[in-house]
N, C-alpha and C. Protein backbone atom coordinates (compact mmCIF):
# COMPACT_ATOMS: atom_id res chain seq x y z
N VAL A 1 166.50 177.95 105.46
CA VAL A 1 165.49 177.51 105.64
C VAL A 1 164.57 178.83 104.94
N ARG A 2 163.45 178.75 105.47
CA ARG A 2 162.13 178.71 104.32
C ARG A 2 162.26 180.28 104.17
N ASP A 3 162.22 180.69 105.86
CA ASP A 3 161.80 182.21 106.50
C ASP A 3 162.59 182.76 107.25
N ALA A 4 164.26 183.36 106.60
CA ALA A 4 164.82 183.94 107.40
C ALA A 4 164.57 184.67 108.72
N ALA A 5 163.61 185.54 108.26
CA ALA A 5 163.29 186.52 109.77
C ALA A 5 162.78 185.64 110.64
N ILE A 6 162.45 184.28 110.76
CA ILE A 6 162.34 183.83 111.94
C ILE A 6 163.63 183.09 112.24
N LEU A 7 164.55 182.78 111.61
CA LEU A 7 165.83 182.38 112.48
C LEU A 7 166.54 183.68 112.86
N ARG A 8 166.30 184.84 112.27
CA ARG A 8 166.83 185.75 112.85
C ARG A 8 166.37 186.57 113.96
N GLU A 9 165.13 186.29 114.23
CA GLU A 9 164.29 186.91 115.65
C GLU A 9 164.58 185.83 116.32
N ALA A 10 164.81 184.07 116.23
CA ALA A 10 165.02 183.07 117.35
C ALA A 10 166.85 183.02 117.52
N PHE A 11 167.55 183.46 117.25
CA PHE A 11 168.70 183.90 117.20
C PHE A 11 168.97 185.06 117.61
N ALA A 12 168.70 186.19 117.23
CA ALA A 12 168.98 187.51 117.60
C ALA A 12 169.42 187.87 119.20
N ALA A 13 170.01 188.61 119.39
CA ALA A 13 170.31 189.39 120.94
C ALA A 13 170.68 190.76 120.49
N GLY A 14 170.28 191.21 121.46
CA GLY A 14 170.41 192.72 121.55
C GLY A 14 171.80 193.08 123.04
N GLY A 15 172.08 193.99 122.99
CA GLY A 15 172.95 194.72 123.90
C GLY A 15 173.98 196.08 123.03
N ALA A 16 173.82 196.62 124.11
CA ALA A 16 175.11 197.83 123.41
C ALA A 16 176.15 196.82 123.49
N TYR A 17 176.55 196.27 123.72
CA TYR A 17 177.83 195.72 123.83
C TYR A 17 177.39 194.92 122.36
N VAL A 18 177.05 194.63 121.28
CA VAL A 18 176.81 194.08 120.53
C VAL A 18 176.64 194.88 118.73
N ALA A 19 177.49 194.97 118.25
CA ALA A 19 177.28 195.57 117.26
C ALA A 19 176.74 195.21 115.87
N ARG A 20 176.00 196.18 115.20
CA ARG A 20 174.85 195.79 114.56
C ARG A 20 175.09 196.32 113.25
N GLY A 21 175.16 195.62 112.14
CA GLY A 21 175.55 196.18 110.71
C GLY A 21 174.65 196.51 109.70
N ALA A 22 174.36 196.98 109.06
CA ALA A 22 173.30 197.01 107.83
C ALA A 22 173.72 195.58 106.92
N GLY A 23 174.33 194.98 106.57
CA GLY A 23 174.58 193.79 105.98
C GLY A 23 174.39 192.47 106.69
N TRP A 24 174.62 190.90 106.13
CA TRP A 24 174.28 190.10 106.79
C TRP A 24 175.21 190.19 108.10
N ASP A 25 174.45 189.20 109.50
CA ASP A 25 174.86 189.22 110.57
C ASP A 25 175.04 187.76 110.97
N PRO A 26 176.57 187.18 110.89
CA PRO A 26 176.53 186.00 111.28
C PRO A 26 176.42 185.71 112.84
N PHE A 27 175.95 186.72 113.52
CA PHE A 27 175.37 185.99 114.84
C PHE A 27 173.99 185.15 115.21
N THR A 28 173.34 185.83 113.70
CA THR A 28 171.70 185.59 113.83
C THR A 28 171.16 184.61 113.17
N HIS A 29 172.66 183.61 112.79
CA HIS A 29 172.58 182.58 112.28
C HIS A 29 172.62 181.26 113.03
N VAL A 30 173.12 181.59 114.31
CA VAL A 30 173.97 180.32 114.73
C VAL A 30 173.30 180.78 116.38
N PRO A 31 173.75 179.45 117.51
CA PRO A 31 172.57 179.61 118.43
C PRO A 31 173.68 180.43 119.64
N GLU A 32 174.50 180.72 119.06
CA GLU A 32 175.47 181.46 120.39
C GLU A 32 175.23 182.45 120.63
N MET A 33 174.53 183.65 120.15
CA MET A 33 174.60 184.58 120.48
C MET A 33 172.74 184.42 120.73
N SER A 34 171.90 183.87 120.89
CA SER A 34 170.74 183.66 120.97
C SER A 34 170.48 183.97 122.75
N ARG A 35 169.14 184.65 122.83
CA ARG A 35 168.65 184.97 124.39
C ARG A 35 168.70 184.35 125.49
N ARG A 36 169.49 183.25 125.10
CA ARG A 36 169.47 182.37 126.49
C ARG A 36 170.17 183.32 127.36
N PHE A 37 169.80 183.09 128.67
CA PHE A 37 170.18 183.48 130.06
C PHE A 37 171.22 183.21 130.60
N ARG A 38 172.62 183.38 129.62
CA ARG A 38 173.79 182.56 130.11
C ARG A 38 174.09 183.05 131.58
N GLY A 39 173.92 184.30 131.91
CA GLY A 39 174.44 184.52 133.55
C GLY A 39 173.85 183.71 134.93
N LEU A 40 172.70 183.00 134.42
CA LEU A 40 171.94 182.10 135.30
C LEU A 40 172.57 181.08 136.21
N ALA A 41 173.07 180.16 135.93
CA ALA A 41 173.85 179.46 136.50
C ALA A 41 174.85 180.10 137.28
N ALA A 42 175.81 181.00 137.18
CA ALA A 42 176.63 182.09 138.19
C ALA A 42 175.58 182.54 138.78
N TRP A 43 174.69 183.37 138.91
CA TRP A 43 173.48 183.77 139.79
C TRP A 43 173.10 182.94 140.45
N CYS A 44 172.81 182.08 140.47
CA CYS A 44 172.11 180.41 141.20
C CYS A 44 173.45 180.25 141.94
N ALA A 45 174.58 180.07 141.30
CA ALA A 45 175.49 179.52 142.59
C ALA A 45 176.44 180.86 143.67
N LEU A 46 176.12 181.84 142.97
CA LEU A 46 176.35 182.72 144.08
C LEU A 46 175.38 183.07 145.21
N LYS A 47 174.54 183.10 144.64
CA LYS A 47 172.73 183.17 145.56
C LYS A 47 172.72 182.33 146.38
N ALA A 48 173.56 181.24 146.39
CA ALA A 48 173.47 179.99 147.11
C ALA A 48 174.54 179.78 148.10
N PHE A 49 175.43 179.70 147.49
CA PHE A 49 176.70 179.68 148.32
C PHE A 49 177.19 180.97 148.99
N GLY A 50 176.94 182.16 148.57
CA GLY A 50 177.39 183.34 148.66
C GLY A 50 179.09 183.56 148.10
N ARG A 51 179.80 185.10 148.23
CA ARG A 51 180.79 185.28 147.73
C ARG A 51 181.97 184.46 148.64
N ASP A 52 181.83 183.75 149.63
CA ASP A 52 182.74 182.83 150.42
C ASP A 52 182.65 181.45 150.08
N GLY A 53 181.44 181.23 150.05
CA GLY A 53 181.34 179.51 149.44
C GLY A 53 181.74 179.55 148.06
N TYR A 54 181.34 180.36 147.09
CA TYR A 54 181.95 180.32 145.78
C TYR A 54 183.59 180.31 145.70
N ARG A 55 183.70 181.07 146.68
CA ARG A 55 185.59 181.63 146.50
C ARG A 55 185.89 180.18 146.97
N ALA A 56 185.43 179.57 148.25
CA ALA A 56 185.84 178.04 148.57
C ALA A 56 185.56 176.91 147.80
N VAL A 57 184.85 176.89 146.72
CA VAL A 57 184.45 176.36 145.43
C VAL A 57 185.63 176.42 144.64
N VAL A 58 185.77 177.19 144.31
CA VAL A 58 187.00 177.73 143.44
C VAL A 58 188.29 177.37 143.54
N GLU A 59 188.35 177.24 145.00
CA GLU A 59 189.96 177.30 145.76
C GLU A 59 189.92 175.48 145.75
N ARG A 60 188.72 174.75 146.04
CA ARG A 60 189.12 173.57 146.48
C ARG A 60 189.12 172.92 144.44
N CYS A 61 188.62 173.24 143.83
CA CYS A 61 188.83 173.08 142.17
C CYS A 61 190.29 173.22 142.15
N VAL A 62 190.87 174.22 142.17
CA VAL A 62 192.09 174.83 141.99
C VAL A 62 193.38 173.63 143.00
N ASP A 63 192.88 173.17 144.11
CA ASP A 63 193.64 172.88 145.14
C ASP A 63 193.66 171.35 144.31
N ASN A 64 192.64 170.83 143.60
CA ASN A 64 192.60 169.51 143.26
C ASN A 64 193.05 169.34 142.07
N ALA A 65 193.15 170.59 141.52
CA ALA A 65 194.43 170.43 140.13
C ALA A 65 195.47 170.14 140.50
N ALA A 66 195.76 171.29 141.37
CA ALA A 66 197.27 171.31 142.11
C ALA A 66 197.91 170.10 142.10
N ALA A 67 197.15 169.38 143.02
CA ALA A 67 197.26 168.13 143.72
C ALA A 67 197.99 166.99 142.46
N PHE A 68 196.88 166.93 141.34
CA PHE A 68 196.94 165.98 140.87
C PHE A 68 198.33 166.46 139.82
N ALA A 69 198.64 168.29 139.28
CA ALA A 69 199.26 168.38 138.58
C ALA A 69 200.74 167.79 139.07
N ARG A 70 200.92 167.90 140.87
CA ARG A 70 201.65 167.45 141.83
C ARG A 70 202.23 166.18 141.27
N TRP A 71 201.15 165.02 141.51
CA TRP A 71 201.25 163.79 141.06
C TRP A 71 201.81 163.36 139.80
N ILE A 72 201.37 163.93 138.66
CA ILE A 72 202.30 163.93 137.26
C ILE A 72 203.57 164.25 137.81
N GLU A 73 203.79 165.20 138.06
CA GLU A 73 205.09 165.60 138.10
C GLU A 73 206.03 164.46 138.78
N ALA A 74 205.72 164.03 139.82
CA ALA A 74 206.22 162.71 140.25
C ALA A 74 206.21 161.44 140.18
N THR A 75 205.27 161.33 138.65
CA THR A 75 205.28 159.63 138.38
C THR A 75 205.87 159.86 137.01
N PRO A 76 206.38 158.47 137.08
CA PRO A 76 207.59 158.29 136.10
C PRO A 76 206.80 158.14 134.43
N GLY A 77 207.07 158.67 133.34
CA GLY A 77 205.89 158.28 132.42
C GLY A 77 204.64 159.24 132.15
N VAL A 78 204.67 160.02 132.76
CA VAL A 78 203.79 160.97 132.75
C VAL A 78 204.55 162.23 132.51
N GLU A 79 204.16 163.09 132.00
CA GLU A 79 204.38 164.58 131.35
C GLU A 79 203.55 165.82 131.46
N LEU A 80 203.84 166.68 132.39
CA LEU A 80 202.91 167.77 133.02
C LEU A 80 203.41 168.49 131.46
N MET A 81 202.56 168.62 130.74
CA MET A 81 202.54 169.73 129.94
C MET A 81 202.42 171.27 129.77
N ASN A 82 202.17 171.62 130.98
CA ASN A 82 202.24 173.01 131.07
C ASN A 82 201.97 173.70 132.42
N ALA A 83 202.57 174.69 133.28
CA ALA A 83 202.05 174.59 134.20
C ALA A 83 200.40 174.94 134.79
N ALA A 84 200.50 174.51 136.00
CA ALA A 84 198.24 174.24 135.88
C ALA A 84 198.15 175.26 137.39
N PRO A 85 198.40 176.43 136.90
CA PRO A 85 197.47 177.45 137.91
C PRO A 85 196.25 177.42 138.68
N LEU A 86 195.44 176.97 137.82
CA LEU A 86 194.08 177.43 137.82
C LEU A 86 193.39 175.84 137.96
N ASN A 87 192.45 175.65 137.47
CA ASN A 87 191.82 174.21 137.29
C ASN A 87 192.28 173.60 136.43
N ILE A 88 192.56 173.48 135.31
CA ILE A 88 193.27 172.63 134.42
C ILE A 88 194.02 172.14 134.08
N VAL A 89 194.63 170.97 134.04
CA VAL A 89 195.67 169.94 133.76
C VAL A 89 195.97 169.29 132.56
N CYS A 90 197.08 169.89 132.00
CA CYS A 90 197.00 169.01 130.83
C CYS A 90 198.54 168.20 130.19
N PHE A 91 198.17 166.89 130.59
CA PHE A 91 199.61 166.37 130.63
C PHE A 91 199.45 164.78 129.28
N ARG A 92 200.62 164.29 129.20
CA ARG A 92 200.54 163.13 128.60
C ARG A 92 201.16 161.88 128.98
N LEU A 93 201.16 160.59 128.02
CA LEU A 93 201.85 159.74 128.87
C LEU A 93 203.24 159.30 128.03
N LEU A 94 203.90 159.24 128.47
CA LEU A 94 205.49 159.31 127.70
C LEU A 94 205.63 157.39 127.40
N ASP A 95 206.03 157.22 126.63
CA ASP A 95 206.23 155.78 126.11
C ASP A 95 207.89 156.04 125.50
N GLY A 96 208.90 155.57 126.34
CA GLY A 96 210.54 155.63 126.42
C GLY A 96 210.67 155.10 125.26
N GLY A 97 210.95 156.14 123.88
CA GLY A 97 211.84 155.56 122.93
C GLY A 97 211.05 155.69 121.46
N ARG A 98 209.94 155.92 121.99
CA ARG A 98 208.84 155.90 120.36
C ARG A 98 209.36 157.89 119.99
N ASP A 99 208.50 157.63 119.06
CA ASP A 99 208.75 159.17 118.21
C ASP A 99 207.58 159.68 118.85
N ASP A 100 207.35 160.53 117.84
CA ASP A 100 206.30 162.01 118.51
C ASP A 100 204.54 161.56 118.19
N GLN A 101 204.92 161.09 116.89
CA GLN A 101 204.07 160.11 116.05
C GLN A 101 203.43 158.83 116.85
N ALA A 102 204.05 158.09 117.64
CA ALA A 102 203.43 156.85 118.23
C ALA A 102 203.07 157.72 119.75
N THR A 103 203.83 158.76 120.44
CA THR A 103 203.31 158.98 121.40
C THR A 103 202.18 159.91 121.64
N ASP A 104 201.71 160.52 120.23
CA ASP A 104 200.50 161.05 120.13
C ASP A 104 199.62 160.09 120.04
N GLU A 105 199.32 158.85 119.53
CA GLU A 105 198.70 157.93 119.28
C GLU A 105 198.24 157.06 120.56
N LEU A 106 199.35 157.30 121.18
CA LEU A 106 199.40 156.40 122.71
C LEU A 106 198.49 157.30 123.21
N ASN A 107 198.38 158.62 123.56
CA ASN A 107 197.76 159.64 123.97
C ASN A 107 196.20 159.58 123.67
N ARG A 108 195.66 159.37 122.87
CA ARG A 108 194.15 159.53 122.11
C ARG A 108 193.94 158.46 122.22
N ARG A 109 194.60 157.09 122.24
CA ARG A 109 194.05 155.89 122.67
C ARG A 109 194.14 156.05 124.54
N ALA A 110 194.88 156.56 125.01
CA ALA A 110 194.68 156.75 126.63
C ALA A 110 193.21 157.59 127.31
N VAL A 111 192.91 158.62 126.15
CA VAL A 111 191.97 159.09 126.32
C VAL A 111 190.46 158.26 126.57
N ASP A 112 190.77 157.70 125.27
CA ASP A 112 189.32 156.60 125.03
C ASP A 112 189.25 155.84 126.07
N ALA A 113 190.73 155.16 126.63
CA ALA A 113 190.63 153.71 127.56
C ALA A 113 190.06 154.50 129.11
N ILE A 114 190.84 155.74 129.23
CA ILE A 114 190.17 156.36 130.78
C ILE A 114 188.71 156.89 130.72
N GLN A 115 188.32 157.48 129.55
CA GLN A 115 186.79 157.34 129.42
C GLN A 115 186.07 156.08 129.62
N ARG A 116 186.39 154.90 128.60
CA ARG A 116 185.92 153.56 128.90
C ARG A 116 186.08 153.11 130.28
N ASP A 117 186.99 153.13 131.03
CA ASP A 117 187.28 152.96 132.37
C ASP A 117 186.15 153.38 133.52
N GLY A 118 185.43 154.33 133.28
CA GLY A 118 184.38 155.17 133.92
C GLY A 118 184.92 155.43 135.22
N ARG A 119 185.99 155.34 136.18
CA ARG A 119 186.40 156.11 137.03
C ARG A 119 186.75 157.17 137.00
N ALA A 120 187.08 158.19 135.70
CA ALA A 120 186.91 159.68 135.69
C ALA A 120 186.87 159.94 134.00
N PHE A 121 186.73 160.80 133.60
CA PHE A 121 186.50 161.51 132.60
C PHE A 121 187.09 162.67 132.43
N VAL A 122 188.17 162.26 131.53
CA VAL A 122 189.15 163.57 131.02
C VAL A 122 189.08 163.92 129.17
N THR A 123 189.23 164.71 128.83
CA THR A 123 189.36 164.71 127.19
C THR A 123 190.48 164.84 126.36
N GLY A 124 190.76 164.63 125.24
CA GLY A 124 191.77 164.70 124.80
C GLY A 124 191.70 165.98 124.09
N THR A 125 193.10 167.00 123.88
CA THR A 125 193.49 167.88 123.57
C THR A 125 194.92 168.08 122.38
N VAL A 126 195.20 169.23 121.91
CA VAL A 126 196.40 169.07 121.19
C VAL A 126 197.10 170.16 122.32
N TRP A 127 198.39 170.52 122.36
CA TRP A 127 199.15 171.10 123.28
C TRP A 127 200.57 171.43 122.49
N ASN A 128 200.78 172.18 121.93
CA ASN A 128 201.91 172.72 121.09
C ASN A 128 202.17 171.78 120.04
N GLY A 129 201.26 170.83 119.42
CA GLY A 129 201.28 170.05 118.28
C GLY A 129 201.46 168.86 118.76
N HIS A 130 201.19 168.48 120.14
CA HIS A 130 201.00 167.04 120.51
C HIS A 130 200.04 166.65 121.10
N ALA A 131 199.45 165.51 120.83
CA ALA A 131 198.15 165.09 121.37
C ALA A 131 198.40 164.83 123.07
N ALA A 132 197.25 165.17 123.71
CA ALA A 132 197.48 165.66 124.94
C ALA A 132 196.05 164.91 126.01
N ILE A 133 196.13 164.84 126.73
CA ILE A 133 195.06 164.90 127.73
C ILE A 133 194.68 165.87 128.77
N ARG A 134 193.08 166.04 129.04
CA ARG A 134 193.43 167.50 129.92
C ARG A 134 192.23 166.97 130.82
N ALA A 135 192.66 167.62 132.33
CA ALA A 135 191.90 167.01 132.76
C ALA A 135 191.15 168.24 133.79
N ALA A 136 189.78 168.73 133.69
CA ALA A 136 189.17 170.07 134.59
C ALA A 136 188.57 169.78 135.35
N PHE A 137 188.83 170.25 136.58
CA PHE A 137 188.34 170.29 137.77
C PHE A 137 187.41 171.26 138.19
N ASP A 138 186.09 171.09 137.94
CA ASP A 138 185.36 172.40 138.14
C ASP A 138 184.22 171.73 138.61
N ASN A 139 183.69 170.67 139.30
CA ASN A 139 182.38 170.38 139.73
C ASN A 139 183.01 170.36 141.12
N TRP A 140 181.78 171.10 142.38
CA TRP A 140 181.91 171.42 143.48
C TRP A 140 181.81 170.28 144.17
N GLN A 141 181.48 168.96 143.69
CA GLN A 141 181.80 168.00 144.67
C GLN A 141 183.19 166.93 144.38
N THR A 142 183.65 167.57 143.89
CA THR A 142 184.91 166.53 143.59
C THR A 142 185.64 166.69 144.81
N THR A 143 186.33 165.61 145.45
CA THR A 143 186.86 165.86 146.62
C THR A 143 188.36 165.28 146.32
N PRO A 144 189.30 165.09 147.10
CA PRO A 144 190.86 164.41 147.25
C PRO A 144 190.70 163.03 146.93
N ASP A 145 189.17 162.58 147.21
CA ASP A 145 189.29 160.86 146.99
C ASP A 145 189.12 160.86 145.30
N ASP A 146 188.16 161.68 144.56
CA ASP A 146 188.30 161.73 143.43
C ASP A 146 189.61 161.80 142.55
N VAL A 147 190.37 162.33 142.66
CA VAL A 147 191.67 163.13 142.34
C VAL A 147 192.68 161.69 142.21
N ALA A 148 192.62 160.80 143.30
CA ALA A 148 193.51 159.74 143.79
C ALA A 148 192.71 158.88 142.94
N MET A 149 191.44 158.70 142.54
CA MET A 149 190.83 157.69 141.50
C MET A 149 191.08 158.24 140.62
N LEU A 150 191.06 159.45 139.80
CA LEU A 150 191.96 159.55 138.61
C LEU A 150 192.83 159.37 138.32
N GLN A 151 194.16 159.39 139.41
CA GLN A 151 195.37 159.29 139.57
C GLN A 151 195.60 157.71 139.16
N ALA A 152 195.06 157.03 139.73
CA ALA A 152 194.55 155.43 139.56
C ALA A 152 194.41 154.81 138.40
N ALA A 153 193.23 155.70 137.50
CA ALA A 153 192.75 155.17 136.41
C ALA A 153 193.87 155.57 135.10
N VAL A 154 194.63 156.43 135.54
CA VAL A 154 195.51 156.81 134.43
C VAL A 154 196.51 155.97 134.57
N ALA A 155 197.15 155.97 135.89
CA ALA A 155 198.15 154.85 136.40
C ALA A 155 197.71 153.34 135.49
N ASP A 156 196.63 152.68 135.88
CA ASP A 156 196.24 151.98 135.21
C ASP A 156 196.20 151.47 133.96
N VAL A 157 195.33 152.78 133.12
CA VAL A 157 195.67 152.63 131.87
C VAL A 157 197.19 152.93 131.31
N ALA A 158 197.95 153.68 131.79
CA ALA A 158 199.32 153.55 131.12
C ALA A 158 200.07 152.27 131.30
N ARG A 159 199.72 151.63 132.18
CA ARG A 159 200.27 150.30 132.92
C ARG A 159 199.61 149.45 131.30
N SER A 160 198.26 149.32 131.20
CA SER A 160 197.85 148.44 129.83
C SER A 160 198.47 148.96 128.72
N LEU A 161 198.20 149.82 128.24
CA LEU A 161 198.83 150.49 127.24
C LEU A 161 199.97 150.20 126.93
N SER A 162 200.94 150.21 128.07
CA SER A 162 202.48 150.20 127.47
C SER A 162 203.14 148.45 127.49
N THR A 163 202.19 147.60 127.61
CA THR A 163 202.44 146.41 127.72
C THR A 163 201.75 145.49 125.70
């Protein structure tokens, strides 16, 4: 950057909760602490739905995650990686008899295949050193039908990758 003062001015954020020192401040060189109104989305949702409406959205997201987690627990060849008390479900496909490295590769391929399928979106992650699949239920419009669509996509991809 030619002019460091411009960079500091663009990315600097103030507040009593932000400690400032006399030396180099890494937060003035990255966008994470810029002056974006981070609370706007939450404020708009609360304003539009009210406290009860917002609570209902959160409960619906958690219920969708719980339904998906129950399906995983009941489905052979799929493993729930952790308890899912909130809206994120971490799971992986199992392929009996394969070693950990092969199972990890299977799950990385599964993430790509589910995304390409287009019915649902999941991301890859690592849980306790193993490749896993992460489904986040955080959209206020997600319905039980969408959860069923994700279940079908996971089942179809698991079948296609096991052959």
